[in-house]
Structure formats: structure tokens, C-alpha cells
PDB file of N, CA and C in Angstrom:
ATOM      1  N   MET A   1     -35.345   4.798  32.294  1.00  0.00           N
ATOM      2  CA  MET A   1     -34.642   4.222  31.597  1.00  0.00           C
ATOM      3  C   MET A   1     -34.085   3.555  32.773  1.00  0.00           C
ATOM      4  N   LEU A   2     -33.997   3.979  34.264  1.00  0.00           N
ATOM      5  CA  LEU A   2     -33.511   3.082  35.305  1.00  0.00           C
ATOM      6  C   LEU A   2     -34.408   1.567  35.378  1.00  0.00           C
ATOM      7  N   LEU A   3     -35.519   1.637  35.220  1.00  0.00           N
ATOM      8  CA  LEU A   3     -36.269   0.529  35.109  1.00  0.00           C
ATOM      9  C   LEU A   3     -35.687  -0.568  34.083  1.00  0.00           C
ATOM     10  N   GLY A   4     -35.550  -0.230  32.767  1.00  0.00           N
ATOM     11  CA  GLY A   4     -34.862  -0.630  31.564  1.00  0.00           C
ATOM     12  C   GLY A   4     -33.627  -1.437  32.104  1.00  0.00           C
ATOM     13  N   LEU A   5     -32.679  -0.650  32.834  1.00  0.00           N
ATOM     14  CA  LEU A   5     -31.406  -1.130  33.230  1.00  0.00           C
ATOM     15  C   LEU A   5     -31.733  -2.266  34.390  1.00  0.00           C
ATOM     16  N   ALA A   6     -32.658  -1.977  35.035  1.00  0.00           N
ATOM     17  CA  ALA A   6     -32.788  -2.869  36.198  1.00  0.00           C
ATOM     18  C   ALA A   6     -33.218  -4.342  35.709  1.00  0.00           C
ATOM     19  N   ALA A   7     -34.333  -4.294  34.491  1.00  0.00           N
ATOM     20  CA  ALA A   7     -34.365  -5.580  34.034  1.00  0.00           C
ATOM     21  C   ALA A   7     -33.329  -6.127  32.959  1.00  0.00           C
ATOM     22  N   MET A   8     -32.442  -5.448  32.428  1.00  0.00           N
ATOM     23  CA  MET A   8     -31.209  -5.929  31.767  1.00  0.00           C
ATOM     24  C   MET A   8     -30.258  -6.764  32.977  1.00  0.00           C
ATOM     25  N   GLY A   9     -30.318  -6.076  34.205  1.00  0.00           N
ATOM     26  CA  GLY A   9     -29.445  -6.667  35.197  1.00  0.00           C
ATOM     27  C   GLY A   9     -30.077  -7.958  35.691  1.00  0.00           C
ATOM     28  N   LEU A  10     -31.234  -8.010  35.763  1.00  0.00           N
ATOM     29  CA  LEU A  10     -31.940  -9.259  36.061  1.00  0.00           C
ATOM     30  C   LEU A  10     -32.049 -10.339  34.791  1.00  0.00           C
ATOM     31  N   LEU A  11     -32.035  -9.962  33.595  1.00  0.00           N
ATOM     32  CA  LEU A  11     -31.814 -11.171  32.893  1.00  0.00           C
ATOM     33  C   LEU A  11     -30.475 -11.460  32.486  1.00  0.00           C
ATOM     34  N   ILE A  12     -29.603 -10.493  33.047  1.00  0.00           N
ATOM     35  CA  ILE A  12     -27.894 -11.387  33.015  1.00  0.00           C
ATOM     36  C   ILE A  12     -28.060 -12.137  34.299  1.00  0.00           C
ATOM     37  N   TRP A  13     -28.832 -11.610  35.665  1.00  0.00           N
ATOM     38  CA  TRP A  13     -28.466 -12.526  36.569  1.00  0.00           C
ATOM     39  C   TRP A  13     -29.321 -13.909  36.503  1.00  0.00           C
ATOM     40  N   ALA A  14     -30.047 -13.819  36.073  1.00  0.00           N
ATOM     41  CA  ALA A  14     -31.035 -15.002  35.802  1.00  0.00           C
ATOM     42  C   ALA A  14     -30.377 -16.072  35.043  1.00  0.00           C
ATOM     43  N   ALA A  15     -29.728 -15.455  33.588  1.00  0.00           N
ATOM     44  CA  ALA A  15     -28.948 -16.238  32.764  1.00  0.00           C
ATOM     45  C   ALA A  15     -27.845 -16.869  33.652  1.00  0.00           C
ATOM     46  N   VAL A  16     -27.338 -16.322  34.379  1.00  0.00           N
ATOM     47  CA  VAL A  16     -25.624 -16.692  35.188  1.00  0.00           C
ATOM     48  C   VAL A  16     -26.218 -17.678  36.222  1.00  0.00           C
ATOM     49  N   ASP A  17     -27.296 -17.290  37.031  1.00  0.00           N
ATOM     50  CA  ASP A  17     -27.330 -18.050  38.120  1.00  0.00           C
ATOM     51  C   ASP A  17     -28.614 -18.937  38.082  1.00  0.00           C
ATOM     52  N   GLN A  18     -29.779 -18.621  37.472  1.00  0.00           N
ATOM     53  CA  GLN A  18     -31.004 -19.687  37.423  1.00  0.00           C
ATOM     54  C   GLN A  18     -30.457 -20.548  36.355  1.00  0.00           C
ATOM     55  N   PHE A  19     -30.154 -20.366  35.073  1.00  0.00           N
ATOM     56  CA  PHE A  19     -29.906 -21.195  33.986  1.00  0.00           C
ATOM     57  C   PHE A  19     -28.646 -21.911  33.709  1.00  0.00           C
ATOM     58  N   GLY A  20     -27.319 -21.435  34.526  1.00  0.00           N
ATOM     59  CA  GLY A  20     -26.369 -21.915  34.966  1.00  0.00           C
ATOM     60  C   GLY A  20     -25.170 -21.661  33.455  1.00  0.00           C
ATOM     61  N   ILE A  21     -25.621 -20.529  32.730  1.00  0.00           N
ATOM     62  CA  ILE A  21     -24.893 -19.648  31.763  1.00  0.00           C
ATOM     63  C   ILE A  21     -23.611 -19.593  31.998  1.00  0.00           C
ATOM     64  N   SER A  22     -22.396 -19.662  31.646  1.00  0.00           N
ATOM     65  CA  SER A  22     -21.223 -19.078  32.177  1.00  0.00           C
ATOM     66  C   SER A  22     -21.043 -17.910  31.668  1.00  0.00           C
ATOM     67  N   THR A  23     -20.083 -17.125  32.772  1.00  0.00           N
ATOM     68  CA  THR A  23     -19.875 -15.656  32.659  1.00  0.00           C
ATOM     69  C   THR A  23     -19.144 -15.419  31.258  1.00  0.00           C
ATOM     70  N   GLU A  24     -18.167 -16.353  30.850  1.00  0.00           N
ATOM     71  CA  GLU A  24     -17.713 -16.081  29.570  1.00  0.00           C
ATOM     72  C   GLU A  24     -18.673 -16.695  28.548  1.00  0.00           C
ATOM     73  N   ASP A  25     -19.619 -17.092  28.474  1.00  0.00           N
ATOM     74  CA  ASP A  25     -20.465 -17.038  27.604  1.00  0.00           C
ATOM     75  C   ASP A  25     -21.224 -15.544  27.474  1.00  0.00           C
ATOM     76  N   VAL A  26     -21.568 -15.381  28.445  1.00  0.00           N
ATOM     77  CA  VAL A  26     -22.319 -13.784  28.541  1.00  0.00           C
ATOM     78  C   VAL A  26     -21.550 -13.025  28.231  1.00  0.00           C
ATOM     79  N   THR A  27     -20.048 -12.944  28.675  1.00  0.00           N
ATOM     80  CA  THR A  27     -19.150 -11.762  28.428  1.00  0.00           C
ATOM     81  C   THR A  27     -19.024 -11.883  26.750  1.00  0.00           C
ATOM     82  N   SER A  28     -18.986 -12.899  26.168  1.00  0.00           N
ATOM     83  CA  SER A  28     -18.781 -13.030  24.399  1.00  0.00           C
ATOM     84  C   SER A  28     -19.786 -12.704  23.841  1.00  0.00           C
ATOM     85  N   LEU A  29     -21.079 -13.033  24.366  1.00  0.00           N
ATOM     86  CA  LEU A  29     -22.781 -12.332  24.033  1.00  0.00           C
ATOM     87  C   LEU A  29     -22.756 -10.865  23.863  1.00  0.00           C
ATOM     88  N   PHE A  30     -22.167 -10.262  25.050  1.00  0.00           N
ATOM     89  CA  PHE A  30     -22.034  -9.125  25.050  1.00  0.00           C
ATOM     90  C   PHE A  30     -21.163  -8.458  24.147  1.00  0.00           C
ATOM     91  N   LEU A  31     -19.922  -9.074  24.273  1.00  0.00           N
ATOM     92  CA  LEU A  31     -19.123  -8.400  23.225  1.00  0.00           C
ATOM     93  C   LEU A  31     -19.323  -8.384  21.333  1.00  0.00           C
ATOM     94  N   GLY A  32     -19.882  -9.652  21.127  1.00  0.00           N
ATOM     95  CA  GLY A  32     -20.723  -9.897  19.889  1.00  0.00           C
ATOM     96  C   GLY A  32     -21.809  -8.813  19.609  1.00  0.00           C
ATOM     97  N   ALA A  33     -22.609  -8.587  20.601  1.00  0.00           N
ATOM     98  CA  ALA A  33     -23.558  -7.583  20.418  1.00  0.00           C
ATOM     99  C   ALA A  33     -22.955  -6.033  20.208  1.00  0.00           C
ATOM    100  N   VAL A  34     -21.790  -5.849  21.007  1.00  0.00           N
ATOM    101  CA  VAL A  34     -21.267  -4.279  20.744  1.00  0.00           C
ATOM    102  C   VAL A  34     -20.613  -4.491  19.436  1.00  0.00           C
ATOM    103  N   LEU A  35     -19.943  -5.276  19.051  1.00  0.00           N
ATOM    104  CA  LEU A  35     -19.661  -5.322  17.913  1.00  0.00           C
ATOM    105  C   LEU A  35     -20.452  -5.396  16.728  1.00  0.00           C
ATOM    106  N   VAL A  36     -21.474  -6.088  16.550  1.00  0.00           N
ATOM    107  CA  VAL A  36     -22.380  -6.037  15.792  1.00  0.00           C
ATOM    108  C   VAL A  36     -23.049  -4.219  15.709  1.00  0.00           C
ATOM    109  N   THR A  37     -23.153  -3.947  16.768  1.00  0.00           N
ATOM    110  CA  THR A  37     -23.704  -2.617  16.715  1.00  0.00           C
ATOM    111  C   THR A  37     -22.945  -1.426  16.363  1.00  0.00           C
ATOM    112  N   ALA A  38     -21.739  -1.749  16.754  1.00  0.00           N
ATOM    113  CA  ALA A  38     -20.609  -0.532  16.174  1.00  0.00           C
ATOM    114  C   ALA A  38     -20.667  -0.796  14.767  1.00  0.00           C
ATOM    115  N   VAL A  39     -20.606  -2.031  13.729  1.00  0.00           N
ATOM    116  CA  VAL A  39     -20.412  -2.244  12.357  1.00  0.00           C
ATOM    117  C   VAL A  39     -21.898  -1.526  12.007  1.00  0.00           C
ATOM    118  N   ILE A  40     -22.672  -1.562  12.565  1.00  0.00           N
ATOM    119  CA  ILE A  40     -24.303  -1.003  11.796  1.00  0.00           C
ATOM    120  C   ILE A  40     -24.168   0.529  11.774  1.00  0.00           C
ATOM    121  N   VAL A  41     -23.498   0.848  12.962  1.00  0.00           N
ATOM    122  CA  VAL A  41     -23.357   2.267  13.426  1.00  0.00           C
ATOM    123  C   VAL A  41     -22.358   2.707  12.318  1.00  0.00           C
ATOM    124  N   LEU A  42     -21.464   2.207  11.884  1.00  0.00           N
ATOM    125  CA  LEU A  42     -20.260   2.511  10.913  1.00  0.00           C
ATOM    126  C   LEU A  42     -20.632   2.341   9.608  1.00  0.00           C
ATOM    127  N   CYS A  43     -21.439   1.624   9.122  1.00  0.00           N
ATOM    128  CA  CYS A  43     -21.970   1.406   7.811  1.00  0.00           C
ATOM    129  C   CYS A  43     -23.129   2.539   7.732  1.00  0.00           C
ATOM    130  N   ALA A  44     -23.958   2.946   8.675  1.00  0.00           N
ATOM    131  CA  ALA A  44     -24.752   3.714   8.444  1.00  0.00           C
ATOM    132  C   ALA A  44     -24.029   5.360   8.127  1.00  0.00           C
ATOM    133  N   GLY A  45     -23.080   5.723   9.127  1.00  0.00           N
ATOM    134  CA  GLY A  45     -22.242   6.640   8.932  1.00  0.00           C
ATOM    135  C   GLY A  45     -21.511   6.885   7.507  1.00  0.00           C
ATOM    136  N   LEU A  46     -21.267   5.977   7.316  1.00  0.00           N
ATOM    137  CA  LEU A  46     -20.355   5.588   5.752  1.00  0.00           C
ATOM    138  C   LEU A  46     -21.459   5.948   4.747  1.00  0.00           C
ATOM    139  N   PHE A  47     -22.729   5.459   4.767  1.00  0.00           N
ATOM    140  CA  PHE A  47     -23.953   5.498   3.953  1.00  0.00           C
ATOM    141  C   PHE A  47     -24.047   7.098   3.850  1.00  0.00           C
ATOM    142  N   THR A  48     -24.353   7.471   4.902  1.00  0.00           N
ATOM    143  CA  THR A  48     -24.508   8.992   5.043  1.00  0.00           C
ATOM    144  C   THR A  48     -23.544  10.046   4.558  1.00  0.00           C
ATOM    145  N   VAL A  49     -22.352   9.881   4.893  1.00  0.00           N
ATOM    146  CA  VAL A  49     -21.058  10.453   4.220  1.00  0.00           C
ATOM    147  C   VAL A  49     -21.439  10.202   2.661  1.00  0.00           C
ATOM    148  N   LEU A  50     -21.677   9.267   2.048  1.00  0.00           N
ATOM    149  CA  LEU A  50     -21.745   8.918   0.801  1.00  0.00           C
ATOM    150  C   LEU A  50     -22.577   9.514   0.015  1.00  0.00           C
ATOM    151  N   TRP A  51     -23.688   9.745   0.572  1.00  0.00           N
ATOM    152  CA  TRP A  51     -25.134  10.312   0.350  1.00  0.00           C
ATOM    153  C   TRP A  51     -24.836  11.873   0.469  1.00  0.00           C
ATOM    154  N   ILE A  52     -24.259  12.360   1.350  1.00  0.00           N
ATOM    155  CA  ILE A  52     -24.153  13.986   0.958  1.00  0.00           C
ATOM    156  C   ILE A  52     -23.214  14.310   0.146  1.00  0.00           C
ATOM    157  N   VAL A  53     -22.083  13.287  -0.193  1.00  0.00           N
ATOM    158  CA  VAL A  53     -20.844  13.523  -1.100  1.00  0.00           C
ATOM    159  C   VAL A  53     -21.875  13.537  -2.793  1.00  0.00           C
ATOM    160  N   LEU A  54     -22.422  12.497  -2.557  1.00  0.00           N
ATOM    161  CA  LEU A  54     -23.340  12.338  -4.034  1.00  0.00           C
ATOM    162  C   LEU A  54     -24.190  13.746  -4.315  1.00  0.00           C
ATOM    163  N   ARG A  55     -25.036  13.949  -3.229  1.00  0.00           N
ATOM    164  CA  ARG A  55     -25.862  15.057  -3.323  1.00  0.00           C
ATOM    165  C   ARG A  55     -24.863  16.218  -3.779  1.00  0.00           C
ATOM    166  N   ARG A  56     -23.836  16.751  -2.888  1.00  0.00           N
ATOM    167  CA  ARG A  56     -23.139  18.301  -3.409  1.00  0.00           C
ATOM    168  C   ARG A  56     -22.763  17.600  -4.935  1.00  0.00           C
ATOM    169  N   LEU A  57     -22.181  16.421  -5.289  1.00  0.00           N
ATOM    170  CA  LEU A  57     -21.827  16.324  -6.530  1.00  0.00           C
ATOM    171  C   LEU A  57     -22.865  16.732  -7.583  1.00  0.00           C
ATOM    172  N   MET A  58     -23.913  15.907  -7.457  1.00  0.00           N
ATOM    173  CA  MET A  58     -25.409  16.189  -8.235  1.00  0.00           C
ATOM    174  C   MET A  58     -25.642  17.810  -7.957  1.00  0.00           C
ATOM    175  N   HIS A  59     -25.828  18.408  -6.937  1.00  0.00           N
ATOM    176  CA  HIS A  59     -26.074  19.775  -6.921  1.00  0.00           C
ATOM    177  C   HIS A  59     -25.079  21.011  -7.992  1.00  0.00           C
ATOM    178  N   ARG A  60     -23.712  20.455  -7.932  1.00  0.00           N
ATOM    179  CA  ARG A  60     -22.857  21.122  -8.581  1.00  0.00           C
ATOM    180  C   ARG A  60     -22.862  20.933 -10.246  1.00  0.00           C
ATOM    181  N   ARG A  61     -23.514  19.447 -10.349  1.00  0.00           N
ATOM    182  CA  ARG A  61     -23.925  19.616 -11.725  1.00  0.00           C
ATOM    183  C   ARG A  61     -24.640  20.320 -12.190  1.00  0.00           C
ATOM    184  N   ASP A  62     -25.696  20.385 -11.643  1.00  0.00           N
ATOM    185  CA  ASP A  62     -27.096  20.958 -11.822  1.00  0.00           C
ATOM    186  C   ASP A  62     -26.867  22.594 -11.906  1.00  0.00           C
ATOM    187  N   ILE A  63     -25.856  22.951 -11.314  1.00  0.00           N
ATOM    188  CA  ILE A  63     -25.334  24.694 -11.262  1.00  0.00           C
ATOM    189  C   ILE A  63     -24.766  24.884 -12.586  1.00  0.00           C
ATOM    190  N   ASP A  64     -23.827  24.094 -12.991  1.00  0.00           N
ATOM    191  CA  ASP A  64     -22.920  24.251 -14.114  1.00  0.00           C
ATOM    192  C   ASP A  64     -23.677  24.134 -15.031  1.00  0.00           C
TER     193      ASP A  64
END
């Protein structure tokens, strides 16, 4: 895990220092990645809740 974090830090340093990408661009890309990740996690959570509710409704129907 530490090696992965160091590699990510190196990529950010290389993007900013070596290739001249501004810190504002890196920040906006990072925030966009966090936003997309949050949306995917929320969609997965909603899908899971919907699946559980539908299973319980179908199970009740089978019992009755």
C-alpha cells in the first residue's frame, strides 16, 4: 500500500513539475474522480437496497 501511495505521489509530481500541468487542473481532475467514484458507490448502494426490498417482497408473496 505504501508503494502504491508513493507511486501516485510520483505521478502527481511528474504531472505538475515535469509536464507543466497546473495544480488547478490536477485538483479539478482529482475532484472529478472523487465525484464519479461517489456516484458509482451511491448507485451500487441504491441497487443493493432495491434488490433486497424486491427479494423480501417476492419472499412474502411466496409465503402467502
